Amino acid sequence: MIEDENIKNDNVEAVEPETPEVNHVNNMVDSLVDGDNIAAQDSFKSALTDKIGQALDDKRKTVANDWLNSALEQEDIADNSHLDDEQPVEQEVEQENEPVVSQA
């Protein structure tokens, strides 16, 4: 059996490629110590960009998850709403006029 790596399994979460984490704060401090204000400014901007980008990604995931859960809940409500509209069906039980006598 040939396995295709491009086929996605619905039970597996998407894994983002790992990028080496750059410590922008250390770079900024090192640049300030060396007197390189331009490099310190660039490190500061990079740190803010990374933090804002990560916060936006986290918020996107939260909003998407909430939206999908809301859609599923609405679908369940719509599927189950017909249960409230139905009237109970009364079953007529035929009764015989003759009493049942057990034979011994």
PDB file of N, CA and C in Angstrom:
ATOM      1  N   MET A   1       0.845  -1.179   0.000  1.00  0.00           N
ATOM      2  CA  MET A   1       0.000   0.000   0.000  1.00  0.00           C
ATOM      3  C   MET A   1       0.885   1.235   0.000  1.00  0.00           C
ATOM      4  N   ILE A   2       0.623   2.141  -0.903  1.00  0.00           N
ATOM      5  CA  ILE A   2       1.402   3.372  -1.002  1.00  0.00           C
ATOM      6  C   ILE A   2       0.711   4.440  -0.182  1.00  0.00           C
ATOM      7  N   GLU A   3       1.465   5.069   0.682  1.00  0.00           N
ATOM      8  CA  GLU A   3       0.898   6.125   1.520  1.00  0.00           C
ATOM      9  C   GLU A   3       1.216   7.472   0.902  1.00  0.00           C
ATOM     10  N   ASP A   4       0.210   8.300   0.817  1.00  0.00           N
ATOM     11  CA  ASP A   4       0.385   9.633   0.267  1.00  0.00           C
ATOM     12  C   ASP A   4       0.529  10.599   1.434  1.00  0.00           C
ATOM     13  N   GLU A   5       1.635  11.300   1.486  1.00  0.00           N
ATOM     14  CA  GLU A   5       1.894  12.219   2.588  1.00  0.00           C
ATOM     15  C   GLU A   5       1.028  13.465   2.487  1.00  0.00           C
ATOM     16  N   ASN A   6       0.418  13.707   1.329  1.00  0.00           N
ATOM     17  CA  ASN A   6      -0.408  14.897   1.149  1.00  0.00           C
ATOM     18  C   ASN A   6      -1.825  14.706   1.677  1.00  0.00           C
ATOM     19  N   ILE A   7      -2.221  13.471   1.977  1.00  0.00           N
ATOM     20  CA  ILE A   7      -3.556  13.224   2.513  1.00  0.00           C
ATOM     21  C   ILE A   7      -3.555  13.619   3.971  1.00  0.00           C
ATOM     22  N   LYS A   8      -4.554  14.420   4.331  1.00  0.00           N
ATOM     23  CA  LYS A   8      -4.632  14.910   5.699  1.00  0.00           C
ATOM     24  C   LYS A   8      -5.606  14.062   6.491  1.00  0.00           C
ATOM     25  N   ASN A   9      -5.278  13.812   7.725  1.00  0.00           N
ATOM     26  CA  ASN A   9      -6.160  13.121   8.641  1.00  0.00           C
ATOM     27  C   ASN A   9      -6.905  14.182   9.431  1.00  0.00           C
ATOM     28  N   ASP A  10      -8.239  14.081   9.490  1.00  0.00           N
ATOM     29  CA  ASP A  10      -9.039  15.087  10.191  1.00  0.00           C
ATOM     30  C   ASP A  10      -8.753  15.118  11.679  1.00  0.00           C
ATOM     31  N   ASN A  11      -8.229  14.052  12.237  1.00  0.00           N
ATOM     32  CA  ASN A  11      -7.981  13.985  13.677  1.00  0.00           C
ATOM     33  C   ASN A  11      -6.635  14.585  14.069  1.00  0.00           C
ATOM     34  N   VAL A  12      -5.846  14.982  13.105  1.00  0.00           N
ATOM     35  CA  VAL A  12      -4.514  15.500  13.379  1.00  0.00           C
ATOM     36  C   VAL A  12      -4.536  17.009  13.222  1.00  0.00           C
ATOM     37  N   GLU A  13      -4.028  17.703  14.209  1.00  0.00           N
ATOM     38  CA  GLU A  13      -3.964  19.154  14.137  1.00  0.00           C
ATOM     39  C   GLU A  13      -2.812  19.576  13.234  1.00  0.00           C
ATOM     40  N   ALA A  14      -2.993  20.705  12.590  1.00  0.00           N
ATOM     41  CA  ALA A  14      -1.947  21.221  11.718  1.00  0.00           C
ATOM     42  C   ALA A  14      -0.746  21.627  12.560  1.00  0.00           C
ATOM     43  N   VAL A  15       0.409  21.228  12.121  1.00  0.00           N
ATOM     44  CA  VAL A  15       1.636  21.552  12.839  1.00  0.00           C
ATOM     45  C   VAL A  15       2.376  22.604  12.032  1.00  0.00           C
ATOM     46  N   GLU A  16       2.640  23.703  12.678  1.00  0.00           N
ATOM     47  CA  GLU A  16       3.361  24.767  12.004  1.00  0.00           C
ATOM     48  C   GLU A  16       4.850  24.453  12.025  1.00  0.00           C
ATOM     49  N   PRO A  17       5.533  24.770  10.950  1.00  0.00           N
ATOM     50  CA  PRO A  17       6.973  24.497  10.929  1.00  0.00           C
ATOM     51  C   PRO A  17       7.679  25.323  12.004  1.00  0.00           C
ATOM     52  N   GLU A  18       8.601  24.672  12.661  1.00  0.00           N
ATOM     53  CA  GLU A  18       9.321  25.365  13.735  1.00  0.00           C
ATOM     54  C   GLU A  18      10.374  26.279  13.139  1.00  0.00           C
ATOM     55  N   THR A  19      10.348  27.503  13.593  1.00  0.00           N
ATOM     56  CA  THR A  19      11.370  28.447  13.182  1.00  0.00           C
ATOM     57  C   THR A  19      12.247  28.709  14.389  1.00  0.00           C
ATOM     58  N   PRO A  20      13.512  28.866  14.164  1.00  0.00           N
ATOM     59  CA  PRO A  20      14.376  29.117  15.312  1.00  0.00           C
ATOM     60  C   PRO A  20      13.959  30.419  15.991  1.00  0.00           C
ATOM     61  N   GLU A  21      13.780  30.326  17.305  1.00  0.00           N
ATOM     62  CA  GLU A  21      13.337  31.493  18.055  1.00  0.00           C
ATOM     63  C   GLU A  21      14.511  32.438  18.277  1.00  0.00           C
ATOM     64  N   VAL A  22      14.309  33.677  17.874  1.00  0.00           N
ATOM     65  CA  VAL A  22      15.336  34.693  18.019  1.00  0.00           C
ATOM     66  C   VAL A  22      14.993  35.512  19.252  1.00  0.00           C
ATOM     67  N   ASN A  23      15.957  35.696  20.107  1.00  0.00           N
ATOM     68  CA  ASN A  23      15.726  36.490  21.307  1.00  0.00           C
ATOM     69  C   ASN A  23      16.040  37.945  20.977  1.00  0.00           C
ATOM     70  N   HIS A  24      15.000  38.661  20.579  1.00  0.00           N
ATOM     71  CA  HIS A  24      15.172  40.044  20.150  1.00  0.00           C
ATOM     72  C   HIS A  24      15.580  40.955  21.310  1.00  0.00           C
ATOM     73  N   VAL A  25      15.145  40.627  22.517  1.00  0.00           N
ATOM     74  CA  VAL A  25      15.481  41.472  23.668  1.00  0.00           C
ATOM     75  C   VAL A  25      16.982  41.423  23.933  1.00  0.00           C
ATOM     76  N   ASN A  26      17.534  40.204  23.902  1.00  0.00           N
ATOM     77  CA  ASN A  26      18.983  40.095  24.109  1.00  0.00           C
ATOM     78  C   ASN A  26      19.745  40.824  23.001  1.00  0.00           C
ATOM     79  N   ASN A  27      19.271  40.675  21.758  1.00  0.00           N
ATOM     80  CA  ASN A  27      19.926  41.379  20.646  1.00  0.00           C
ATOM     81  C   ASN A  27      19.852  42.889  20.840  1.00  0.00           C
ATOM     82  N   MET A  28      18.686  43.373  21.296  1.00  0.00           N
ATOM     83  CA  MET A  28      18.511  44.807  21.505  1.00  0.00           C
ATOM     84  C   MET A  28      19.444  45.312  22.603  1.00  0.00           C
ATOM     85  N   VAL A  29      19.518  44.576  23.708  1.00  0.00           N
ATOM     86  CA  VAL A  29      20.390  44.983  24.816  1.00  0.00           C
ATOM     87  C   VAL A  29      21.851  44.952  24.386  1.00  0.00           C
ATOM     88  N   ASP A  30      22.229  43.889  23.680  1.00  0.00           N
ATOM     89  CA  ASP A  30      23.618  43.800  23.193  1.00  0.00           C
ATOM     90  C   ASP A  30      23.941  44.967  22.264  1.00  0.00           C
ATOM     91  N   SER A  31      22.992  45.310  21.413  1.00  0.00           N
ATOM     92  CA  SER A  31      23.222  46.431  20.491  1.00  0.00           C
ATOM     93  C   SER A  31      23.337  47.744  21.247  1.00  0.00           C
ATOM     94  N   LEU A  32      22.531  47.929  22.280  1.00  0.00           N
ATOM     95  CA  LEU A  32      22.612  49.153  23.077  1.00  0.00           C
ATOM     96  C   LEU A  32      23.937  49.243  23.814  1.00  0.00           C
ATOM     97  N   VAL A  33      24.393  48.094  24.331  1.00  0.00           N
ATOM     98  CA  VAL A  33      25.678  48.072  25.041  1.00  0.00           C
ATOM     99  C   VAL A  33      26.804  48.425  24.079  1.00  0.00           C
ATOM    100  N   ASP A  34      26.703  47.930  22.851  1.00  0.00           N
ATOM    101  CA  ASP A  34      27.740  48.212  21.847  1.00  0.00           C
ATOM    102  C   ASP A  34      27.609  49.620  21.281  1.00  0.00           C
ATOM    103  N   GLY A  35      26.505  50.315  21.594  1.00  0.00           N
ATOM    104  CA  GLY A  35      26.312  51.670  21.096  1.00  0.00           C
ATOM    105  C   GLY A  35      25.684  51.717  19.720  1.00  0.00           C
ATOM    106  N   ASP A  36      25.163  50.605  19.244  1.00  0.00           N
ATOM    107  CA  ASP A  36      24.556  50.540  17.920  1.00  0.00           C
ATOM    108  C   ASP A  36      23.043  50.741  18.068  1.00  0.00           C
ATOM    109  N   ASN A  37      22.627  51.988  18.058  1.00  0.00           N
ATOM    110  CA  ASN A  37      21.220  52.304  18.278  1.00  0.00           C
ATOM    111  C   ASN A  37      20.319  51.845  17.124  1.00  0.00           C
ATOM    112  N   ILE A  38      20.849  51.828  15.931  1.00  0.00           N
ATOM    113  CA  ILE A  38      20.064  51.398  14.760  1.00  0.00           C
ATOM    114  C   ILE A  38      19.717  49.912  14.881  1.00  0.00           C
ATOM    115  N   ALA A  39      20.702  49.091  15.234  1.00  0.00           N
ATOM    116  CA  ALA A  39      20.464  47.656  15.399  1.00  0.00           C
ATOM    117  C   ALA A  39      19.521  47.410  16.577  1.00  0.00           C
ATOM    118  N   ALA A  40      19.640  48.203  17.644  1.00  0.00           N
ATOM    119  CA  ALA A  40      18.744  48.069  18.798  1.00  0.00           C
ATOM    120  C   ALA A  40      17.314  48.390  18.381  1.00  0.00           C
ATOM    121  N   GLN A  41      17.154  49.439  17.579  1.00  0.00           N
ATOM    122  CA  GLN A  41      15.831  49.809  17.093  1.00  0.00           C
ATOM    123  C   GLN A  41      15.245  48.691  16.225  1.00  0.00           C
ATOM    124  N   ASP A  42      16.056  48.106  15.362  1.00  0.00           N
ATOM    125  CA  ASP A  42      15.591  47.014  14.503  1.00  0.00           C
ATOM    126  C   ASP A  42      15.184  45.799  15.337  1.00  0.00           C
ATOM    127  N   SER A  43      15.959  45.486  16.378  1.00  0.00           N
ATOM    128  CA  SER A  43      15.621  44.361  17.259  1.00  0.00           C
ATOM    129  C   SER A  43      14.317  44.628  18.004  1.00  0.00           C
ATOM    130  N   PHE A  44      14.123  45.872  18.441  1.00  0.00           N
ATOM    131  CA  PHE A  44      12.902  46.244  19.139  1.00  0.00           C
ATOM    132  C   PHE A  44      11.686  46.100  18.214  1.00  0.00           C
ATOM    133  N   LYS A  45      11.822  46.594  16.982  1.00  0.00           N
ATOM    134  CA  LYS A  45      10.734  46.483  16.014  1.00  0.00           C
ATOM    135  C   LYS A  45      10.427  45.013  15.702  1.00  0.00           C
ATOM    136  N   SER A  46      11.457  44.203  15.578  1.00  0.00           N
ATOM    137  CA  SER A  46      11.263  42.781  15.295  1.00  0.00           C
ATOM    138  C   SER A  46      10.552  42.083  16.451  1.00  0.00           C
ATOM    139  N   ALA A  47      10.926  42.455  17.678  1.00  0.00           N
ATOM    140  CA  ALA A  47      10.286  41.857  18.845  1.00  0.00           C
ATOM    141  C   ALA A  47       8.804  42.208  18.885  1.00  0.00           C
ATOM    142  N   LEU A  48       8.476  43.472  18.632  1.00  0.00           N
ATOM    143  CA  LEU A  48       7.071  43.886  18.619  1.00  0.00           C
ATOM    144  C   LEU A  48       6.299  43.214  17.490  1.00  0.00           C
ATOM    145  N   THR A  49       6.924  43.119  16.330  1.00  0.00           N
ATOM    146  CA  THR A  49       6.269  42.465  15.191  1.00  0.00           C
ATOM    147  C   THR A  49       5.951  41.015  15.500  1.00  0.00           C
ATOM    148  N   ASP A  50       6.913  40.304  16.110  1.00  0.00           N
ATOM    149  CA  ASP A  50       6.693  38.907  16.457  1.00  0.00           C
ATOM    150  C   ASP A  50       5.581  38.751  17.491  1.00  0.00           C
ATOM    151  N   LYS A  51       5.589  39.611  18.526  1.00  0.00           N
ATOM    152  CA  LYS A  51       4.562  39.531  19.570  1.00  0.00           C
ATOM    153  C   LYS A  51       3.178  39.841  19.019  1.00  0.00           C
ATOM    154  N   ILE A  52       3.070  40.868  18.198  1.00  0.00           N
ATOM    155  CA  ILE A  52       1.780  41.233  17.618  1.00  0.00           C
ATOM    156  C   ILE A  52       1.307  40.130  16.665  1.00  0.00           C
ATOM    157  N   GLY A  53       2.217  39.604  15.867  1.00  0.00           N
ATOM    158  CA  GLY A  53       1.867  38.520  14.950  1.00  0.00           C
ATOM    159  C   GLY A  53       1.373  37.294  15.685  1.00  0.00           C
ATOM    160  N   GLN A  54       2.039  36.930  16.774  1.00  0.00           N
ATOM    161  CA  GLN A  54       1.614  35.768  17.554  1.00  0.00           C
ATOM    162  C   GLN A  54       0.267  36.009  18.208  1.00  0.00           C
ATOM    163  N   ALA A  55       0.053  37.213  18.729  1.00  0.00           N
ATOM    164  CA  ALA A  55      -1.232  37.544  19.350  1.00  0.00           C
ATOM    165  C   ALA A  55      -2.363  37.486  18.318  1.00  0.00           C
ATOM    166  N   LEU A  56      -2.102  37.988  17.101  1.00  0.00           N
ATOM    167  CA  LEU A  56      -3.115  37.932  16.047  1.00  0.00           C
ATOM    168  C   LEU A  56      -3.419  36.492  15.640  1.00  0.00           C
ATOM    169  N   ASP A  57      -2.388  35.663  15.526  1.00  0.00           N
ATOM    170  CA  ASP A  57      -2.601  34.255  15.185  1.00  0.00           C
ATOM    171  C   ASP A  57      -3.432  33.552  16.255  1.00  0.00           C
ATOM    172  N   ASP A  58      -3.111  33.814  17.526  1.00  0.00           N
ATOM    173  CA  ASP A  58      -3.871  33.201  18.617  1.00  0.00           C
ATOM    174  C   ASP A  58      -5.328  33.646  18.576  1.00  0.00           C
ATOM    175  N   LYS A  59      -5.560  34.920  18.322  1.00  0.00           N
ATOM    176  CA  LYS A  59      -6.927  35.445  18.264  1.00  0.00           C
ATOM    177  C   LYS A  59      -7.670  34.860  17.072  1.00  0.00           C
ATOM    178  N   ARG A  60      -6.989  34.723  15.929  1.00  0.00           N
ATOM    179  CA  ARG A  60      -7.623  34.117  14.751  1.00  0.00           C
ATOM    180  C   ARG A  60      -8.078  32.700  15.052  1.00  0.00           C
ATOM    181  N   LYS A  61      -7.228  31.934  15.718  1.00  0.00           N
ATOM    182  CA  LYS A  61      -7.568  30.552  16.056  1.00  0.00           C
ATOM    183  C   LYS A  61      -8.751  30.515  17.011  1.00  0.00           C
ATOM    184  N   THR A  62      -8.772  31.412  17.983  1.00  0.00           N
ATOM    185  CA  THR A  62      -9.874  31.453  18.949  1.00  0.00           C
ATOM    186  C   THR A  62     -11.183  31.815  18.257  1.00  0.00           C
ATOM    187  N   VAL A  63     -11.147  32.823  17.412  1.00  0.00           N
ATOM    188  CA  VAL A  63     -12.360  33.252  16.705  1.00  0.00           C
ATOM    189  C   VAL A  63     -12.849  32.149  15.770  1.00  0.00           C
ATOM    190  N   ALA A  64     -11.940  31.518  15.053  1.00  0.00           N
ATOM    191  CA  ALA A  64     -12.323  30.440  14.137  1.00  0.00           C
ATOM    192  C   ALA A  64     -12.933  29.275  14.908  1.00  0.00           C
ATOM    193  N   ASN A  65     -12.345  28.918  16.027  1.00  0.00           N
ATOM    194  CA  ASN A  65     -12.859  27.826  16.847  1.00  0.00           C
ATOM    195  C   ASN A  65     -14.244  28.164  17.385  1.00  0.00           C
ATOM    196  N   ASP A  66     -14.420  29.387  17.887  1.00  0.00           N
ATOM    197  CA  ASP A  66     -15.725  29.810  18.395  1.00  0.00           C
ATOM    198  C   ASP A  66     -16.764  29.817  17.286  1.00  0.00           C
ATOM    199  N   TRP A  67     -16.371  30.270  16.100  1.00  0.00           N
ATOM    200  CA  TRP A  67     -17.290  30.327  14.972  1.00  0.00           C
ATOM    201  C   TRP A  67     -17.729  28.919  14.560  1.00  0.00           C
ATOM    202  N   LEU A  68     -16.776  27.985  14.499  1.00  0.00           N
ATOM    203  CA  LEU A  68     -17.115  26.613  14.124  1.00  0.00           C
ATOM    204  C   LEU A  68     -17.996  25.958  15.178  1.00  0.00           C
ATOM    205  N   ASN A  69     -17.675  26.178  16.457  1.00  0.00           N
ATOM    206  CA  ASN A  69     -18.499  25.601  17.519  1.00  0.00           C
ATOM    207  C   ASN A  69     -19.903  26.183  17.490  1.00  0.00           C
ATOM    208  N   SER A  70     -20.019  27.461  17.220  1.00  0.00           N
ATOM    209  CA  SER A  70     -21.329  28.108  17.125  1.00  0.00           C
ATOM    210  C   SER A  70     -22.120  27.516  15.964  1.00  0.00           C
ATOM    211  N   ALA A  71     -21.464  27.300  14.846  1.00  0.00           N
ATOM    212  CA  ALA A  71     -22.143  26.721  13.684  1.00  0.00           C
ATOM    213  C   ALA A  71     -22.630  25.313  13.996  1.00  0.00           C
ATOM    214  N   LEU A  72     -21.822  24.526  14.688  1.00  0.00           N
ATOM    215  CA  LEU A  72     -22.231  23.174  15.056  1.00  0.00           C
ATOM    216  C   LEU A  72     -23.405  23.203  16.021  1.00  0.00           C
ATOM    217  N   GLU A  73     -23.389  24.126  16.981  1.00  0.00           N
ATOM    218  CA  GLU A  73     -24.493  24.246  17.927  1.00  0.00           C
ATOM    219  C   GLU A  73     -25.768  24.649  17.208  1.00  0.00           C
ATOM    220  N   GLN A  74     -25.670  25.587  16.269  1.00  0.00           N
ATOM    221  CA  GLN A  74     -26.849  26.014  15.509  1.00  0.00           C
ATOM    222  C   GLN A  74     -27.402  24.848  14.683  1.00  0.00           C
ATOM    223  N   GLU A  75     -26.508  24.038  14.128  1.00  0.00           N
ATOM    224  CA  GLU A  75     -26.935  22.883  13.345  1.00  0.00           C
ATOM    225  C   GLU A  75     -27.650  21.876  14.236  1.00  0.00           C
ATOM    226  N   ASP A  76     -27.124  21.629  15.430  1.00  0.00           N
ATOM    227  CA  ASP A  76     -27.767  20.713  16.371  1.00  0.00           C
ATOM    228  C   ASP A  76     -29.136  21.231  16.785  1.00  0.00           C
ATOM    229  N   ILE A  77     -29.231  22.520  17.030  1.00  0.00           N
ATOM    230  CA  ILE A  77     -30.519  23.106  17.413  1.00  0.00           C
ATOM    231  C   ILE A  77     -31.519  22.948  16.274  1.00  0.00           C
ATOM    232  N   ALA A  78     -31.078  23.208  15.053  1.00  0.00           N
ATOM    233  CA  ALA A  78     -31.976  23.071  13.900  1.00  0.00           C
ATOM    234  C   ALA A  78     -32.410  21.622  13.720  1.00  0.00           C
ATOM    235  N   ASP A  79     -31.490  20.682  13.919  1.00  0.00           N
ATOM    236  CA  ASP A  79     -31.823  19.266  13.777  1.00  0.00           C
ATOM    237  C   ASP A  79     -32.810  18.819  14.851  1.00  0.00           C
ATOM    238  N   ASN A  80     -32.671  19.354  16.046  1.00  0.00           N
ATOM    239  CA  ASN A  80     -33.519  18.928  17.155  1.00  0.00           C
ATOM    240  C   ASN A  80     -34.788  19.754  17.296  1.00  0.00           C
ATOM    241  N   SER A  81     -34.918  20.819  16.542  1.00  0.00           N
ATOM    242  CA  SER A  81     -36.088  21.682  16.680  1.00  0.00           C
ATOM    243  C   SER A  81     -37.363  20.990  16.233  1.00  0.00           C
ATOM    244  N   HIS A  82     -37.259  20.045  15.335  1.00  0.00           N
ATOM    245  CA  HIS A  82     -38.459  19.350  14.876  1.00  0.00           C
ATOM    246  C   HIS A  82     -39.071  18.500  15.974  1.00  0.00           C
ATOM    247  N   LEU A  83     -38.304  18.157  16.981  1.00  0.00           N
ATOM    248  CA  LEU A  83     -38.835  17.351  18.082  1.00  0.00           C
ATOM    249  C   LEU A  83     -39.868  18.122  18.888  1.00  0.00           C
ATOM    250  N   ASP A  84     -39.724  19.441  18.991  1.00  0.00           N
ATOM    251  CA  ASP A  84     -40.662  20.254  19.745  1.00  0.00           C
ATOM    252  C   ASP A  84     -41.976  20.442  18.996  1.00  0.00           C
ATOM    253  N   ASP A  85     -41.946  20.376  17.659  1.00  0.00           N
ATOM    254  CA  ASP A  85     -43.128  20.636  16.852  1.00  0.00           C
ATOM    255  C   ASP A  85     -44.071  19.441  16.775  1.00  0.00           C
ATOM    256  N   GLU A  86     -43.565  18.260  17.008  1.00  0.00           N
ATOM    257  CA  GLU A  86     -44.385  17.067  16.850  1.00  0.00           C
ATOM    258  C   GLU A  86     -45.313  16.895  18.037  1.00  0.00           C
ATOM    259  N   GLN A  87     -46.546  16.527  17.746  1.00  0.00           N
ATOM    260  CA  GLN A  87     -47.521  16.227  18.782  1.00  0.00           C
ATOM    261  C   GLN A  87     -47.437  14.736  19.085  1.00  0.00           C
ATOM    262  N   PRO A  88     -47.593  14.370  20.334  1.00  0.00           N
ATOM    263  CA  PRO A  88     -47.540  12.937  20.653  1.00  0.00           C
ATOM    264  C   PRO A  88     -48.715  12.216  19.996  1.00  0.00           C
ATOM    265  N   VAL A  89     -48.427  11.093  19.427  1.00  0.00           N
ATOM    266  CA  VAL A  89     -49.451  10.303  18.755  1.00  0.00           C
ATOM    267  C   VAL A  89     -50.058   9.370  19.783  1.00  0.00           C
ATOM    268  N   GLU A  90     -51.380   9.479  19.910  1.00  0.00           N
ATOM    269  CA  GLU A  90     -52.058   8.599  20.855  1.00  0.00           C
ATOM    270  C   GLU A  90     -52.359   7.298  20.150  1.00  0.00           C
ATOM    271  N   GLN A  91     -52.010   6.244  20.807  1.00  0.00           N
ATOM    272  CA  GLN A  91     -52.281   4.938  20.242  1.00  0.00           C
ATOM    273  C   GLN A  91     -53.585   4.420  20.839  1.00  0.00           C
ATOM    274  N   GLU A  92     -54.454   3.987  19.957  1.00  0.00           N
ATOM    275  CA  GLU A  92     -55.718   3.449  20.421  1.00  0.00           C
ATOM    276  C   GLU A  92     -55.517   1.981  20.763  1.00  0.00           C
ATOM    277  N   VAL A  93     -55.946   1.645  21.923  1.00  0.00           N
ATOM    278  CA  VAL A  93     -55.831   0.269  22.366  1.00  0.00           C
ATOM    279  C   VAL A  93     -57.227  -0.339  22.285  1.00  0.00           C
ATOM    280  N   GLU A  94     -57.307  -1.380  21.509  1.00  0.00           N
ATOM    281  CA  GLU A  94     -58.603  -2.036  21.388  1.00  0.00           C
ATOM    282  C   GLU A  94     -58.841  -2.891  22.609  1.00  0.00           C
ATOM    283  N   GLN A  95     -59.962  -2.675  23.213  1.00  0.00           N
ATOM    284  CA  GLN A  95     -60.317  -3.478  24.374  1.00  0.00           C
ATOM    285  C   GLN A  95     -61.477  -4.375  24.003  1.00  0.00           C
ATOM    286  N   GLU A  96     -61.351  -5.582  24.401  1.00  0.00           N
ATOM    287  CA  GLU A  96     -62.438  -6.529  24.133  1.00  0.00           C
ATOM    288  C   GLU A  96     -63.451  -6.405  25.263  1.00  0.00           C
ATOM    289  N   ASN A  97     -64.700  -6.588  24.914  1.00  0.00           N
ATOM    290  CA  ASN A  97     -65.758  -6.508  25.914  1.00  0.00           C
ATOM    291  C   ASN A  97     -65.791  -7.749  26.792  1.00  0.00           C
ATOM    292  N   GLU A  98     -65.168  -8.787  26.348  1.00  0.00           N
ATOM    293  CA  GLU A  98     -65.205 -10.020  27.113  1.00  0.00           C
ATOM    294  C   GLU A  98     -64.039 -10.069  28.068  1.00  0.00           C
ATOM    295  N   PRO A  99     -64.268 -10.432  29.310  1.00  0.00           N
ATOM    296  CA  PRO A  99     -63.170 -10.554  30.268  1.00  0.00           C
ATOM    297  C   PRO A  99     -62.284 -11.738  29.926  1.00  0.00           C
ATOM    298  N   VAL A 100     -61.037 -11.619  30.243  1.00  0.00           N
ATOM    299  CA  VAL A 100     -60.098 -12.710  29.994  1.00  0.00           C
ATOM    300  C   VAL A 100     -60.157 -13.648  31.157  1.00  0.00           C
ATOM    301  N   VAL A 101     -60.423 -14.911  30.867  1.00  0.00           N
ATOM    302  CA  VAL A 101     -60.514 -15.938  31.917  1.00  0.00           C
ATOM    303  C   VAL A 101     -59.374 -16.902  31.696  1.00  0.00           C
ATOM    304  N   SER A 102     -58.632 -17.095  32.723  1.00  0.00           N
ATOM    305  CA  SER A 102     -57.527 -18.045  32.609  1.00  0.00           C
ATOM    306  C   SER A 102     -58.040 -19.451  32.802  1.00  0.00           C
ATOM    307  N   GLN A 103     -57.511 -20.339  32.083  1.00  0.00           N
ATOM    308  CA  GLN A 103     -57.941 -21.735  32.187  1.00  0.00           C
ATOM    309  C   GLN A 103     -56.947 -22.472  33.065  1.00  0.00           C
ATOM    310  N   ALA A 104     -57.510 -23.143  34.035  1.00  0.00           N
ATOM    311  CA  ALA A 104     -56.663 -23.874  34.954  1.00  0.00           C
ATOM    312  C   ALA A 104     -56.722 -25.344  34.750  1.00  0.00           C
TER     313      ALA A 104
END
